[in-house]
Amino acid sequence: MSRIGKLPIPVAKNVQVDVDGSTVKVKGPKGELVRQFPEGISFTTAEGTVTVIRPNDEKKSRALHGLSRSLLANMVTGVAEGYTKTLELQGVGYRATQAGEKVTLSVGYSHTVEIVPPAGIQIEVEGTTKVHVRGIDKELVGQVAANIRKVRKPEPYKGKGIRYLGEYVRRKAGKAGKAGK
């Protein structure tokens, strides 16, 4: 049995989980998420918990068991608390500014880069070097943060670029120069 798949998912009192066949709707104080799960995976709800059940012990069913449990747990956490990814800009002259929903990045290019968040995502700039990506869908928050980081990845020589908060960037040594002439 899957170690992750067999764990029950605790559901807070202010979160409502509705199962309709292979479609699960999770509603909470932060919003509502709906996801279609693979056929065969079923869910049972009890007092404050949801359990994921797989139909058989085939390899595909075992793989989908843990995946489905993780996805549902992320949905429950998202509608209850939400998710946040923080990015920081490092480099001389690198800064972020916010105008309404849009965020404008100045990261060493000849032009500025505008980021418009998709529906369900809020982007907030703290100071000029920190960008917070918030939302209830963990997958979407991570994808938007990755797209922002992709604008200017941290380079290995000086460490300039956009990185996740607390991300370690391996540094390379620069040129050694000529010795002996």
N, C-alpha and C. Protein backbone atom coordinates (compact mmCIF):
# COMPACT_ATOMS: atom_id res chain seq x y z
N MET A 1 0.85 -1.18 0.00
CA MET A 1 0.00 0.00 0.00
C MET A 1 0.89 1.24 0.00
N SER A 2 0.44 2.25 -0.68
CA SER A 2 1.19 3.50 -0.76
C SER A 2 1.27 4.16 0.62
N ARG A 3 2.46 4.54 1.00
CA ARG A 3 2.61 5.19 2.31
C ARG A 3 1.89 6.53 2.34
N ILE A 4 1.96 7.25 1.22
CA ILE A 4 1.30 8.56 1.17
C ILE A 4 -0.18 8.39 0.91
N GLY A 5 -0.54 7.50 -0.01
CA GLY A 5 -1.93 7.34 -0.41
C GLY A 5 -2.85 6.88 0.71
N LYS A 6 -2.33 6.09 1.64
CA LYS A 6 -3.20 5.56 2.69
C LYS A 6 -3.44 6.53 3.84
N LEU A 7 -2.69 7.62 3.90
CA LEU A 7 -2.87 8.60 4.97
C LEU A 7 -4.19 9.36 4.79
N PRO A 8 -4.99 9.48 5.83
CA PRO A 8 -6.22 10.28 5.70
C PRO A 8 -5.89 11.77 5.63
N ILE A 9 -6.70 12.51 4.92
CA ILE A 9 -6.50 13.96 4.76
C ILE A 9 -7.37 14.67 5.79
N PRO A 10 -6.77 15.40 6.73
CA PRO A 10 -7.59 16.14 7.70
C PRO A 10 -8.26 17.34 7.03
N VAL A 11 -9.53 17.52 7.29
CA VAL A 11 -10.30 18.63 6.70
C VAL A 11 -10.74 19.54 7.84
N ALA A 12 -10.42 20.84 7.72
CA ALA A 12 -10.81 21.81 8.74
C ALA A 12 -12.33 21.99 8.74
N LYS A 13 -12.83 22.53 9.83
CA LYS A 13 -14.29 22.71 9.96
C LYS A 13 -14.85 23.70 8.95
N ASN A 14 -14.04 24.69 8.53
CA ASN A 14 -14.53 25.69 7.59
C ASN A 14 -14.31 25.29 6.12
N VAL A 15 -13.90 24.04 5.87
CA VAL A 15 -13.67 23.54 4.51
C VAL A 15 -14.70 22.45 4.20
N GLN A 16 -15.27 22.52 3.01
CA GLN A 16 -16.29 21.56 2.60
C GLN A 16 -15.78 20.80 1.38
N VAL A 17 -15.80 19.46 1.44
CA VAL A 17 -15.35 18.61 0.33
C VAL A 17 -16.56 17.87 -0.23
N ASP A 18 -16.83 18.07 -1.54
CA ASP A 18 -17.94 17.39 -2.21
C ASP A 18 -17.38 16.46 -3.28
N VAL A 19 -17.72 15.17 -3.19
CA VAL A 19 -17.25 14.18 -4.16
C VAL A 19 -18.42 13.80 -5.06
N ASP A 20 -18.21 13.92 -6.38
CA ASP A 20 -19.23 13.56 -7.35
C ASP A 20 -18.56 12.68 -8.40
N GLY A 21 -18.53 11.36 -8.14
CA GLY A 21 -17.85 10.44 -9.05
C GLY A 21 -16.35 10.66 -8.98
N SER A 22 -15.75 11.06 -10.11
CA SER A 22 -14.31 11.33 -10.12
C SER A 22 -14.00 12.82 -10.05
N THR A 23 -15.02 13.65 -9.84
CA THR A 23 -14.83 15.09 -9.69
C THR A 23 -14.95 15.46 -8.21
N VAL A 24 -13.98 16.23 -7.75
CA VAL A 24 -13.98 16.65 -6.34
C VAL A 24 -13.99 18.17 -6.31
N LYS A 25 -14.90 18.73 -5.50
CA LYS A 25 -15.01 20.17 -5.32
C LYS A 25 -14.68 20.48 -3.86
N VAL A 26 -13.72 21.37 -3.65
CA VAL A 26 -13.31 21.76 -2.30
C VAL A 26 -13.60 23.25 -2.15
N LYS A 27 -14.35 23.60 -1.11
CA LYS A 27 -14.76 24.98 -0.88
C LYS A 27 -14.30 25.40 0.50
N GLY A 28 -13.70 26.58 0.59
CA GLY A 28 -13.21 27.08 1.87
C GLY A 28 -13.28 28.58 1.94
N PRO A 29 -12.71 29.17 3.00
CA PRO A 29 -12.79 30.62 3.17
C PRO A 29 -12.03 31.41 2.11
N LYS A 30 -10.99 30.83 1.50
CA LYS A 30 -10.20 31.55 0.50
C LYS A 30 -10.74 31.39 -0.92
N GLY A 31 -11.60 30.38 -1.14
CA GLY A 31 -12.14 30.19 -2.49
C GLY A 31 -12.58 28.76 -2.71
N GLU A 32 -12.67 28.39 -3.99
CA GLU A 32 -13.18 27.08 -4.37
C GLU A 32 -12.31 26.48 -5.47
N LEU A 33 -11.97 25.20 -5.35
CA LEU A 33 -11.19 24.49 -6.36
C LEU A 33 -11.95 23.24 -6.80
N VAL A 34 -11.88 22.93 -8.09
CA VAL A 34 -12.51 21.74 -8.64
C VAL A 34 -11.46 20.99 -9.45
N ARG A 35 -11.39 19.67 -9.28
CA ARG A 35 -10.42 18.87 -10.02
C ARG A 35 -11.05 17.54 -10.42
N GLN A 36 -10.72 17.12 -11.62
CA GLN A 36 -11.15 15.82 -12.15
C GLN A 36 -10.03 14.82 -11.86
N PHE A 37 -10.33 13.76 -11.14
CA PHE A 37 -9.34 12.73 -10.81
C PHE A 37 -9.47 11.55 -11.77
N PRO A 38 -8.42 10.73 -11.88
CA PRO A 38 -8.48 9.59 -12.80
C PRO A 38 -9.59 8.60 -12.42
N GLU A 39 -10.11 7.90 -13.43
CA GLU A 39 -11.16 6.91 -13.20
C GLU A 39 -10.61 5.80 -12.30
N GLY A 40 -11.45 5.28 -11.43
CA GLY A 40 -11.04 4.20 -10.54
C GLY A 40 -10.66 4.67 -9.16
N ILE A 41 -10.11 5.86 -9.04
CA ILE A 41 -9.74 6.40 -7.74
C ILE A 41 -11.03 6.90 -7.09
N SER A 42 -11.28 6.45 -5.85
CA SER A 42 -12.49 6.89 -5.16
C SER A 42 -12.13 7.51 -3.81
N PHE A 43 -13.08 8.23 -3.26
CA PHE A 43 -12.86 8.97 -2.02
C PHE A 43 -13.97 8.66 -1.04
N THR A 44 -13.60 8.53 0.24
CA THR A 44 -14.60 8.37 1.29
C THR A 44 -14.41 9.49 2.30
N THR A 45 -15.51 10.10 2.71
CA THR A 45 -15.43 11.16 3.68
C THR A 45 -15.98 10.65 5.01
N ALA A 46 -15.27 10.98 6.08
CA ALA A 46 -15.70 10.62 7.43
C ALA A 46 -15.66 11.90 8.26
N GLU A 47 -15.71 11.78 9.56
CA GLU A 47 -15.73 12.95 10.44
C GLU A 47 -14.42 13.73 10.32
N GLY A 48 -14.42 14.78 9.54
CA GLY A 48 -13.26 15.65 9.44
C GLY A 48 -12.10 15.09 8.65
N THR A 49 -12.27 13.98 7.93
CA THR A 49 -11.18 13.42 7.12
C THR A 49 -11.72 12.92 5.79
N VAL A 50 -10.82 12.85 4.81
CA VAL A 50 -11.11 12.25 3.51
C VAL A 50 -10.03 11.20 3.27
N THR A 51 -10.44 10.02 2.79
CA THR A 51 -9.49 8.94 2.50
C THR A 51 -9.58 8.60 1.03
N VAL A 52 -8.42 8.36 0.41
CA VAL A 52 -8.35 8.01 -1.00
C VAL A 52 -8.24 6.49 -1.11
N ILE A 53 -9.04 5.88 -2.00
CA ILE A 53 -9.05 4.43 -2.16
C ILE A 53 -8.74 4.10 -3.61
N ARG A 54 -7.82 3.12 -3.81
CA ARG A 54 -7.49 2.69 -5.17
C ARG A 54 -8.22 1.38 -5.47
N PRO A 55 -8.52 1.13 -6.75
CA PRO A 55 -9.33 -0.04 -7.09
C PRO A 55 -8.59 -1.38 -6.99
N ASN A 56 -7.29 -1.40 -7.30
CA ASN A 56 -6.54 -2.65 -7.30
C ASN A 56 -5.06 -2.36 -7.04
N ASP A 57 -4.22 -3.38 -7.15
CA ASP A 57 -2.79 -3.22 -6.87
C ASP A 57 -1.93 -3.16 -8.12
N GLU A 58 -2.52 -2.78 -9.24
CA GLU A 58 -1.72 -2.62 -10.46
C GLU A 58 -0.77 -1.43 -10.28
N LYS A 59 0.31 -1.45 -11.06
CA LYS A 59 1.34 -0.42 -10.93
C LYS A 59 0.76 0.99 -11.15
N LYS A 60 -0.08 1.14 -12.17
CA LYS A 60 -0.65 2.46 -12.47
C LYS A 60 -1.56 2.93 -11.34
N SER A 61 -2.35 2.02 -10.79
CA SER A 61 -3.26 2.38 -9.69
C SER A 61 -2.47 2.80 -8.45
N ARG A 62 -1.37 2.11 -8.18
CA ARG A 62 -0.55 2.45 -7.02
C ARG A 62 0.06 3.84 -7.19
N ALA A 63 0.50 4.15 -8.42
CA ALA A 63 1.09 5.47 -8.68
C ALA A 63 0.04 6.57 -8.53
N LEU A 64 -1.14 6.34 -9.08
CA LEU A 64 -2.20 7.35 -9.01
C LEU A 64 -2.76 7.52 -7.60
N HIS A 65 -2.61 6.50 -6.77
CA HIS A 65 -3.12 6.56 -5.40
C HIS A 65 -2.44 7.68 -4.61
N GLY A 66 -1.12 7.65 -4.57
CA GLY A 66 -0.37 8.69 -3.84
C GLY A 66 -0.52 10.06 -4.47
N LEU A 67 -0.52 10.09 -5.81
CA LEU A 67 -0.68 11.37 -6.52
C LEU A 67 -2.02 12.01 -6.19
N SER A 68 -3.08 11.22 -6.24
CA SER A 68 -4.42 11.75 -5.98
C SER A 68 -4.55 12.27 -4.56
N ARG A 69 -3.96 11.55 -3.61
CA ARG A 69 -3.99 11.98 -2.22
C ARG A 69 -3.27 13.31 -2.04
N SER A 70 -2.09 13.44 -2.67
CA SER A 70 -1.32 14.69 -2.56
C SER A 70 -2.06 15.86 -3.20
N LEU A 71 -2.66 15.63 -4.37
CA LEU A 71 -3.39 16.70 -5.04
C LEU A 71 -4.59 17.17 -4.21
N LEU A 72 -5.32 16.22 -3.63
CA LEU A 72 -6.48 16.58 -2.82
C LEU A 72 -6.05 17.29 -1.54
N ALA A 73 -4.96 16.83 -0.92
CA ALA A 73 -4.46 17.49 0.29
C ALA A 73 -4.03 18.93 -0.02
N ASN A 74 -3.41 19.14 -1.19
CA ASN A 74 -3.01 20.49 -1.60
C ASN A 74 -4.23 21.38 -1.84
N MET A 75 -5.31 20.81 -2.37
CA MET A 75 -6.54 21.58 -2.58
C MET A 75 -7.13 22.00 -1.24
N VAL A 76 -7.18 21.08 -0.28
CA VAL A 76 -7.75 21.38 1.04
C VAL A 76 -6.92 22.47 1.74
N THR A 77 -5.60 22.35 1.68
CA THR A 77 -4.73 23.36 2.30
C THR A 77 -4.87 24.70 1.59
N GLY A 78 -4.99 24.68 0.27
CA GLY A 78 -5.08 25.92 -0.51
C GLY A 78 -6.32 26.73 -0.19
N VAL A 79 -7.48 26.08 -0.09
CA VAL A 79 -8.70 26.84 0.18
C VAL A 79 -8.79 27.27 1.63
N ALA A 80 -8.04 26.61 2.51
CA ALA A 80 -8.05 26.98 3.93
C ALA A 80 -7.03 28.08 4.23
N GLU A 81 -5.78 27.91 3.75
CA GLU A 81 -4.70 28.84 4.10
C GLU A 81 -4.12 29.57 2.91
N GLY A 82 -4.08 28.95 1.75
CA GLY A 82 -3.47 29.55 0.57
C GLY A 82 -1.98 29.24 0.51
N TYR A 83 -1.37 29.55 -0.61
CA TYR A 83 0.06 29.29 -0.82
C TYR A 83 0.76 30.58 -1.21
N THR A 84 2.04 30.68 -0.83
CA THR A 84 2.86 31.85 -1.16
C THR A 84 4.24 31.39 -1.59
N LYS A 85 4.74 31.95 -2.68
CA LYS A 85 6.12 31.76 -3.10
C LYS A 85 6.74 33.15 -3.14
N THR A 86 7.93 33.29 -2.58
CA THR A 86 8.60 34.58 -2.55
C THR A 86 9.86 34.51 -3.41
N LEU A 87 10.02 35.52 -4.25
CA LEU A 87 11.19 35.63 -5.11
C LEU A 87 11.95 36.90 -4.72
N GLU A 88 13.28 36.86 -4.87
CA GLU A 88 14.06 38.07 -4.59
C GLU A 88 14.94 38.38 -5.80
N LEU A 89 15.09 39.68 -6.05
CA LEU A 89 15.92 40.16 -7.15
C LEU A 89 17.27 40.56 -6.58
N GLN A 90 18.34 40.05 -7.17
CA GLN A 90 19.68 40.41 -6.72
C GLN A 90 20.48 40.91 -7.91
N GLY A 91 21.04 42.09 -7.77
CA GLY A 91 21.84 42.69 -8.82
C GLY A 91 21.71 44.19 -8.75
N VAL A 92 22.76 44.88 -9.18
CA VAL A 92 22.75 46.34 -9.14
C VAL A 92 21.72 46.85 -10.15
N GLY A 93 20.76 47.64 -9.68
CA GLY A 93 19.74 48.21 -10.55
C GLY A 93 18.56 47.29 -10.82
N TYR A 94 18.57 46.09 -10.27
CA TYR A 94 17.45 45.18 -10.46
C TYR A 94 16.34 45.58 -9.50
N ARG A 95 15.14 45.80 -10.04
CA ARG A 95 14.04 46.19 -9.17
C ARG A 95 12.71 45.79 -9.78
N ALA A 96 11.72 45.73 -8.92
CA ALA A 96 10.35 45.42 -9.33
C ALA A 96 9.45 46.54 -8.86
N THR A 97 8.50 46.90 -9.71
CA THR A 97 7.51 47.91 -9.34
C THR A 97 6.13 47.36 -9.68
N GLN A 98 5.14 47.81 -8.93
CA GLN A 98 3.79 47.32 -9.13
C GLN A 98 2.87 48.47 -9.49
N ALA A 99 2.04 48.23 -10.50
CA ALA A 99 1.02 49.21 -10.90
C ALA A 99 -0.28 48.44 -11.07
N GLY A 100 -1.12 48.48 -10.05
CA GLY A 100 -2.37 47.72 -10.08
C GLY A 100 -2.05 46.23 -9.97
N GLU A 101 -2.53 45.45 -10.92
CA GLU A 101 -2.27 44.02 -10.94
C GLU A 101 -0.90 43.71 -11.55
N LYS A 102 -0.45 44.55 -12.49
CA LYS A 102 0.78 44.28 -13.23
C LYS A 102 2.02 44.55 -12.39
N VAL A 103 3.05 43.75 -12.64
CA VAL A 103 4.36 43.95 -12.02
C VAL A 103 5.36 44.17 -13.15
N THR A 104 6.18 45.21 -13.01
CA THR A 104 7.19 45.52 -14.01
C THR A 104 8.57 45.23 -13.43
N LEU A 105 9.36 44.43 -14.15
CA LEU A 105 10.69 44.04 -13.70
C LEU A 105 11.74 44.75 -14.53
N SER A 106 12.71 45.36 -13.85
CA SER A 106 13.89 45.92 -14.52
C SER A 106 15.07 45.06 -14.07
N VAL A 107 15.51 44.17 -14.98
CA VAL A 107 16.52 43.19 -14.59
C VAL A 107 17.69 43.15 -15.57
N GLY A 108 18.16 44.32 -15.98
CA GLY A 108 19.37 44.39 -16.78
C GLY A 108 19.16 44.29 -18.29
N TYR A 109 17.93 44.21 -18.76
CA TYR A 109 17.69 44.21 -20.19
C TYR A 109 17.51 45.65 -20.66
N SER A 110 17.51 45.86 -21.97
CA SER A 110 17.30 47.20 -22.50
C SER A 110 15.85 47.64 -22.35
N HIS A 111 14.99 46.70 -22.00
CA HIS A 111 13.57 47.00 -21.83
C HIS A 111 13.10 46.43 -20.49
N THR A 112 11.94 46.87 -20.04
CA THR A 112 11.36 46.31 -18.83
C THR A 112 10.47 45.14 -19.22
N VAL A 113 10.26 44.23 -18.26
CA VAL A 113 9.43 43.05 -18.51
C VAL A 113 8.19 43.17 -17.64
N GLU A 114 7.01 43.09 -18.28
CA GLU A 114 5.75 43.19 -17.54
C GLU A 114 5.19 41.81 -17.29
N ILE A 115 4.76 41.56 -16.06
CA ILE A 115 4.15 40.30 -15.67
C ILE A 115 2.69 40.60 -15.30
N VAL A 116 1.76 39.93 -15.99
CA VAL A 116 0.34 40.06 -15.69
C VAL A 116 -0.11 38.72 -15.08
N PRO A 117 -0.57 38.72 -13.83
CA PRO A 117 -0.94 37.45 -13.21
C PRO A 117 -2.21 36.86 -13.80
N PRO A 118 -2.28 35.53 -13.90
CA PRO A 118 -3.52 34.90 -14.37
C PRO A 118 -4.60 34.99 -13.29
N ALA A 119 -5.81 34.61 -13.64
CA ALA A 119 -6.92 34.65 -12.69
C ALA A 119 -6.63 33.74 -11.50
N GLY A 120 -6.91 34.23 -10.30
CA GLY A 120 -6.70 33.44 -9.10
C GLY A 120 -5.33 33.63 -8.46
N ILE A 121 -4.48 34.45 -9.05
CA ILE A 121 -3.14 34.69 -8.53
C ILE A 121 -2.98 36.18 -8.23
N GLN A 122 -2.41 36.49 -7.07
CA GLN A 122 -2.08 37.87 -6.73
C GLN A 122 -0.55 37.98 -6.63
N ILE A 123 -0.01 39.01 -7.26
CA ILE A 123 1.42 39.27 -7.17
C ILE A 123 1.58 40.58 -6.41
N GLU A 124 2.45 40.55 -5.41
CA GLU A 124 2.65 41.71 -4.55
C GLU A 124 4.15 41.99 -4.45
N VAL A 125 4.53 43.26 -4.57
CA VAL A 125 5.93 43.65 -4.48
C VAL A 125 6.18 44.27 -3.11
N GLU A 126 7.22 43.76 -2.43
CA GLU A 126 7.62 44.30 -1.13
C GLU A 126 8.95 45.00 -1.32
N GLY A 127 8.99 46.28 -1.02
CA GLY A 127 10.20 47.07 -1.28
C GLY A 127 10.39 47.16 -2.78
N THR A 128 11.62 46.93 -3.25
CA THR A 128 11.85 46.89 -4.69
C THR A 128 12.50 45.58 -5.12
N THR A 129 12.82 44.72 -4.15
CA THR A 129 13.54 43.50 -4.51
C THR A 129 12.85 42.20 -4.12
N LYS A 130 11.67 42.26 -3.52
CA LYS A 130 10.96 41.04 -3.16
C LYS A 130 9.61 41.00 -3.85
N VAL A 131 9.28 39.84 -4.41
CA VAL A 131 8.02 39.63 -5.11
C VAL A 131 7.34 38.43 -4.48
N HIS A 132 6.09 38.61 -4.02
CA HIS A 132 5.32 37.52 -3.42
C HIS A 132 4.24 37.09 -4.41
N VAL A 133 4.16 35.79 -4.68
CA VAL A 133 3.13 35.23 -5.54
C VAL A 133 2.19 34.44 -4.62
N ARG A 134 0.90 34.82 -4.61
CA ARG A 134 -0.07 34.19 -3.70
C ARG A 134 -1.26 33.66 -4.47
N GLY A 135 -1.84 32.56 -3.93
CA GLY A 135 -3.03 31.99 -4.54
C GLY A 135 -3.46 30.75 -3.78
N ILE A 136 -4.57 30.13 -4.23
CA ILE A 136 -5.07 28.94 -3.55
C ILE A 136 -4.68 27.66 -4.28
N ASP A 137 -4.27 27.75 -5.55
CA ASP A 137 -3.88 26.59 -6.34
C ASP A 137 -2.36 26.46 -6.30
N LYS A 138 -1.85 25.46 -5.60
CA LYS A 138 -0.40 25.28 -5.42
C LYS A 138 0.33 25.15 -6.75
N GLU A 139 -0.27 24.42 -7.67
CA GLU A 139 0.34 24.20 -8.98
C GLU A 139 0.48 25.51 -9.75
N LEU A 140 -0.56 26.33 -9.74
CA LEU A 140 -0.55 27.60 -10.46
C LEU A 140 0.41 28.61 -9.81
N VAL A 141 0.45 28.64 -8.48
CA VAL A 141 1.38 29.54 -7.78
C VAL A 141 2.82 29.19 -8.15
N GLY A 142 3.15 27.91 -8.13
CA GLY A 142 4.50 27.47 -8.48
C GLY A 142 4.85 27.78 -9.92
N GLN A 143 3.89 27.62 -10.84
CA GLN A 143 4.15 27.88 -12.25
C GLN A 143 4.38 29.36 -12.52
N VAL A 144 3.58 30.22 -11.90
CA VAL A 144 3.76 31.67 -12.08
C VAL A 144 5.11 32.11 -11.50
N ALA A 145 5.47 31.58 -10.32
CA ALA A 145 6.77 31.91 -9.72
C ALA A 145 7.91 31.44 -10.61
N ALA A 146 7.78 30.26 -11.20
CA ALA A 146 8.82 29.75 -12.10
C ALA A 146 8.93 30.61 -13.36
N ASN A 147 7.79 31.09 -13.86
CA ASN A 147 7.82 31.96 -15.05
C ASN A 147 8.50 33.29 -14.74
N ILE A 148 8.28 33.83 -13.54
CA ILE A 148 8.94 35.08 -13.16
C ILE A 148 10.44 34.84 -13.02
N ARG A 149 10.83 33.73 -12.40
CA ARG A 149 12.25 33.40 -12.23
C ARG A 149 12.93 33.21 -13.58
N LYS A 150 12.18 32.68 -14.55
CA LYS A 150 12.73 32.41 -15.88
C LYS A 150 13.11 33.69 -16.63
N VAL A 151 12.54 34.84 -16.23
CA VAL A 151 12.86 36.11 -16.89
C VAL A 151 14.36 36.39 -16.81
N ARG A 152 14.97 36.12 -15.64
CA ARG A 152 16.41 36.30 -15.48
C ARG A 152 16.88 35.34 -14.38
N LYS A 153 17.28 34.13 -14.79
CA LYS A 153 17.75 33.13 -13.83
C LYS A 153 19.03 33.62 -13.17
N PRO A 154 19.30 33.19 -11.94
CA PRO A 154 20.55 33.60 -11.29
C PRO A 154 21.75 33.01 -12.02
N GLU A 155 22.73 33.85 -12.30
CA GLU A 155 23.91 33.36 -13.01
C GLU A 155 24.98 32.94 -12.00
N PRO A 156 25.86 32.01 -12.37
CA PRO A 156 26.76 31.39 -11.39
C PRO A 156 28.00 32.19 -11.03
N TYR A 157 28.30 33.31 -11.71
CA TYR A 157 29.53 34.02 -11.41
C TYR A 157 29.35 35.11 -10.36
N LYS A 158 28.34 35.93 -10.51
CA LYS A 158 28.09 36.98 -9.51
C LYS A 158 26.81 36.72 -8.71
N GLY A 159 25.99 35.79 -9.17
CA GLY A 159 24.75 35.47 -8.47
C GLY A 159 23.60 36.42 -8.78
N LYS A 160 23.78 37.25 -9.82
CA LYS A 160 22.73 38.20 -10.18
C LYS A 160 21.56 37.48 -10.83
N GLY A 161 20.34 37.97 -10.58
CA GLY A 161 19.17 37.40 -11.20
C GLY A 161 18.01 37.33 -10.23
N ILE A 162 16.98 36.58 -10.63
CA ILE A 162 15.79 36.39 -9.80
C ILE A 162 15.86 34.99 -9.22
N ARG A 163 15.77 34.89 -7.90
CA ARG A 163 15.83 33.58 -7.25
C ARG A 163 14.73 33.47 -6.22
N TYR A 164 14.43 32.21 -5.86
CA TYR A 164 13.48 31.98 -4.78
C TYR A 164 14.11 32.42 -3.46
N LEU A 165 13.29 32.82 -2.51
CA LEU A 165 13.79 33.22 -1.20
C LEU A 165 14.47 32.02 -0.55
N GLY A 166 15.72 32.18 -0.17
CA GLY A 166 16.47 31.11 0.47
C GLY A 166 17.13 30.15 -0.50
N GLU A 167 17.00 30.37 -1.81
CA GLU A 167 17.63 29.48 -2.80
C GLU A 167 19.13 29.67 -2.78
N TYR A 168 19.86 28.57 -2.80
CA TYR A 168 21.31 28.62 -2.83
C TYR A 168 21.77 28.52 -4.27
N VAL A 169 22.60 29.47 -4.71
CA VAL A 169 23.13 29.47 -6.07
C VAL A 169 24.60 29.09 -5.98
N ARG A 170 24.97 27.97 -6.62
CA ARG A 170 26.37 27.55 -6.62
C ARG A 170 27.19 28.54 -7.42
N ARG A 171 28.25 29.02 -6.83
CA ARG A 171 29.09 30.03 -7.48
C ARG A 171 30.29 29.38 -8.12
N LYS A 172 30.68 29.88 -9.29
CA LYS A 172 31.86 29.40 -9.98
C LYS A 172 32.97 30.43 -9.82
N ALA A 173 34.20 29.96 -9.91
CA ALA A 173 35.33 30.88 -9.86
C ALA A 173 35.44 31.57 -11.20
N GLY A 174 35.87 32.82 -11.18
CA GLY A 174 36.04 33.56 -12.43
C GLY A 174 37.37 33.22 -13.07
N LYS A 175 37.82 34.06 -13.97
CA LYS A 175 39.09 33.82 -14.65
C LYS A 175 40.23 33.89 -13.65
N ALA A 176 41.20 33.04 -13.84
CA ALA A 176 42.36 33.01 -12.94
C ALA A 176 43.37 34.10 -13.32
N GLY A 177 43.39 34.49 -14.57
CA GLY A 177 44.33 35.51 -15.01
C GLY A 177 45.68 34.88 -15.35
N LYS A 178 46.58 35.65 -15.92
CA LYS A 178 47.91 35.12 -16.28
C LYS A 178 48.85 35.32 -15.11
N ALA A 179 49.48 34.24 -14.74
CA ALA A 179 50.48 34.30 -13.67
C ALA A 179 51.84 33.96 -14.26
N GLY A 180 52.82 34.79 -14.04
CA GLY A 180 54.18 34.48 -14.50
C GLY A 180 54.66 35.37 -15.63
N LYS A 181 53.92 36.31 -16.10
CA LYS A 181 54.42 37.20 -17.16
C LYS A 181 54.57 38.59 -16.74
